[in-house]
Amino acid sequence: MSDSNMKDGEFVRNFIIMIGALALLAVVIFVIANSIGGSIKTAKAVQPVDKMSLASTAMGTLVTTAQAADGAGTYNMACAACHAIGAAGAPKIGDKADWGPRIKQGKETLYMHALKGYQGKKGFMPAKGGQTQLSDAVVKAAVDHMVSKAK
């Protein structure tokens, strides 16, 4: 047997050992993750946001309960990420110059853009801000909240 064939055989043997070790590690990780994940009550954790009670963050900025009538809560939970800083062309909350032309279009247009999404000259709005689990009523309440801050 040539020296090259011996090196190839050694490589294949080491490769098979490594694949076996990785497969064993994957099985161990799967068993551990399944035992940990199986104990989590996912039915209660996965609820529509309009039925969730949101606790305050460590910074104390999000202290609210998102309900259908609570536009501020929905804004804090789902809208502020873009509308607080103007990301992707989102009109900043409280910015009358930014909101004025939009408000003139009427609430039904604002609702439609928030619910179905919109792409304009300044940027885009994904449907329900990308939070498709939100009910229409919750999204409309958030729009009403933002409009009230721009008047």
Protein backbone atom coordinates (compact mmCIF):
# COMPACT_ATOMS: atom_id res chain seq x y z
CA MET A 1 0.00 0.00 0.00
CA SER A 2 1.40 3.39 -0.96
CA ASP A 3 1.95 6.24 1.47
CA SER A 4 -0.80 8.27 -0.27
CA ASN A 5 -3.37 5.48 0.14
CA MET A 6 -2.52 5.16 3.86
CA LYS A 7 -3.04 8.91 4.36
CA ASP A 8 -6.35 8.76 2.49
CA GLY A 9 -7.52 5.85 4.61
CA GLU A 10 -6.53 7.66 7.81
CA PHE A 11 -8.35 10.78 6.65
CA VAL A 12 -11.54 8.83 5.88
CA ARG A 13 -11.38 7.08 9.28
CA ASN A 14 -10.93 10.39 11.11
CA PHE A 15 -13.68 11.99 9.05
CA ILE A 16 -16.13 9.19 9.93
CA ILE A 17 -15.23 9.52 13.63
CA MET A 18 -15.88 13.28 13.51
CA ILE A 19 -19.23 12.85 11.75
CA GLY A 20 -20.23 10.26 14.36
CA ALA A 21 -19.20 12.56 17.21
CA LEU A 22 -21.14 15.48 15.72
CA ALA A 23 -24.22 13.29 15.23
CA LEU A 24 -23.99 12.14 18.85
CA LEU A 25 -23.64 15.76 20.01
CA ALA A 26 -26.69 16.73 17.94
CA VAL A 27 -28.74 13.95 19.55
CA VAL A 28 -27.66 15.03 23.05
CA ILE A 29 -28.54 18.68 22.32
CA PHE A 30 -31.90 17.61 20.87
CA VAL A 31 -32.75 15.54 23.96
CA ILE A 32 -31.79 18.38 26.31
CA ALA A 33 -33.69 21.00 24.28
CA ASN A 34 -36.74 18.75 24.06
CA SER A 35 -36.77 18.14 27.82
CA ILE A 36 -36.44 21.88 28.52
CA GLY A 37 -38.84 23.01 25.78
CA GLY A 38 -41.44 20.39 26.62
CA SER A 39 -41.95 21.94 30.03
CA ILE A 40 -42.82 25.40 28.65
CA LYS A 41 -46.53 26.14 28.42
CA THR A 42 -46.64 27.48 24.86
CA ALA A 43 -50.41 27.81 24.62
CA LYS A 44 -50.43 30.61 27.19
CA ALA A 45 -47.24 32.22 25.88
CA VAL A 46 -48.53 32.44 22.31
CA GLN A 47 -51.56 34.71 22.47
CA PRO A 48 -52.71 37.56 20.27
CA VAL A 49 -51.05 40.74 21.44
CA ASP A 50 -54.39 42.38 22.20
CA LYS A 51 -54.89 39.81 24.97
CA MET A 52 -51.42 39.96 26.46
CA SER A 53 -50.48 41.90 29.51
CA LEU A 54 -47.16 43.56 28.92
CA ALA A 55 -44.86 44.09 31.88
CA SER A 56 -42.54 47.04 32.23
CA THR A 57 -39.10 46.80 30.72
CA ALA A 58 -35.99 47.17 32.80
CA MET A 59 -35.84 50.82 31.73
CA GLY A 60 -39.47 51.36 32.70
CA THR A 61 -40.43 52.66 29.27
CA LEU A 62 -43.04 50.05 28.46
CA VAL A 63 -45.62 49.98 31.21
CA THR A 64 -48.94 49.20 29.64
CA THR A 65 -51.50 46.60 28.78
CA ALA A 66 -52.19 46.27 25.06
CA GLN A 67 -55.97 46.22 24.68
CA ALA A 68 -58.14 47.04 21.69
CA ALA A 69 -58.89 50.47 23.16
CA ASP A 70 -55.31 51.15 24.23
CA GLY A 71 -53.57 52.77 21.28
CA ALA A 72 -50.66 53.94 23.42
CA GLY A 73 -49.95 50.40 24.55
CA THR A 74 -50.03 49.06 21.02
CA TYR A 75 -47.87 51.95 19.84
CA ASN A 76 -45.26 51.18 22.53
CA MET A 77 -45.30 47.47 21.79
CA ALA A 78 -45.48 47.40 18.00
CA CYS A 79 -45.11 50.83 16.40
CA ALA A 80 -42.50 52.76 18.36
CA ALA A 81 -39.60 50.84 16.84
CA CYS A 82 -40.11 52.76 13.60
CA HIS A 83 -42.33 55.73 14.49
CA ALA A 84 -40.18 56.94 17.41
CA ILE A 85 -37.13 57.44 15.18
CA GLY A 86 -38.59 57.72 11.67
CA ALA A 87 -37.17 54.41 10.41
CA ALA A 88 -37.99 53.50 6.81
CA GLY A 89 -39.63 56.89 6.32
CA ALA A 90 -42.15 56.39 9.13
CA PRO A 91 -43.61 59.68 10.35
CA LYS A 92 -42.25 60.37 13.82
CA ILE A 93 -44.83 60.46 16.56
CA GLY A 94 -45.68 64.06 17.43
CA ASP A 95 -44.12 65.49 14.24
CA LYS A 96 -46.89 67.73 12.91
CA ALA A 97 -45.10 68.48 9.63
CA ASP A 98 -44.66 64.79 8.93
CA TRP A 99 -48.17 63.78 9.97
CA GLY A 100 -50.07 66.79 8.58
CA PRO A 101 -50.32 65.66 4.93
CA ARG A 102 -51.15 62.13 6.04
CA ILE A 103 -53.89 63.28 8.40
CA LYS A 104 -55.42 65.36 5.58
CA GLN A 105 -55.93 62.13 3.61
CA GLY A 106 -58.40 61.01 6.26
CA LYS A 107 -58.45 58.34 8.92
CA GLU A 108 -59.76 55.66 6.57
CA THR A 109 -56.69 56.09 4.35
CA LEU A 110 -54.40 56.00 7.39
CA TYR A 111 -56.15 52.87 8.63
CA MET A 112 -55.88 51.21 5.22
CA HIS A 113 -52.16 51.97 4.97
CA ALA A 114 -51.55 50.70 8.50
CA LEU A 115 -53.60 47.54 8.01
CA LYS A 116 -52.64 46.60 4.46
CA GLY A 117 -49.24 48.26 4.14
CA TYR A 118 -48.10 51.10 1.94
CA GLN A 119 -45.13 52.11 -0.16
CA GLY A 120 -44.68 55.79 -0.91
CA LYS A 121 -42.02 58.31 -1.92
CA LYS A 122 -40.60 58.65 1.60
CA GLY A 123 -40.58 54.99 2.59
CA PHE A 124 -42.79 52.05 3.31
CA MET A 125 -45.15 50.67 5.93
CA PRO A 126 -45.50 46.88 6.16
CA ALA A 127 -49.02 45.59 6.81
CA LYS A 128 -49.75 46.01 10.51
CA GLY A 129 -46.17 47.15 10.98
CA GLY A 130 -45.06 43.58 10.39
CA GLN A 131 -47.06 42.45 13.44
CA THR A 132 -49.65 40.41 11.54
CA GLN A 133 -51.03 38.88 14.74
CA LEU A 134 -52.50 42.26 15.73
CA SER A 135 -56.24 42.71 15.33
CA ASP A 136 -57.52 45.48 13.09
CA ALA A 137 -59.04 47.24 16.11
CA VAL A 138 -55.69 47.35 17.91
CA VAL A 139 -53.91 48.73 14.83
CA LYS A 140 -56.60 51.40 14.37
CA ALA A 141 -56.26 52.37 18.05
CA ALA A 142 -52.51 52.81 17.57
CA VAL A 143 -53.12 54.98 14.49
CA ASP A 144 -55.58 57.09 16.49
CA HIS A 145 -52.99 57.46 19.25
CA MET A 146 -50.28 58.63 16.84
CA VAL A 147 -52.67 61.04 15.10
CA SER A 148 -53.68 62.53 18.46
CA LYS A 149 -50.02 63.29 19.22
CA ALA A 150 -49.62 65.17 15.91
CA LYS A 151 -52.56 67.57 16.31
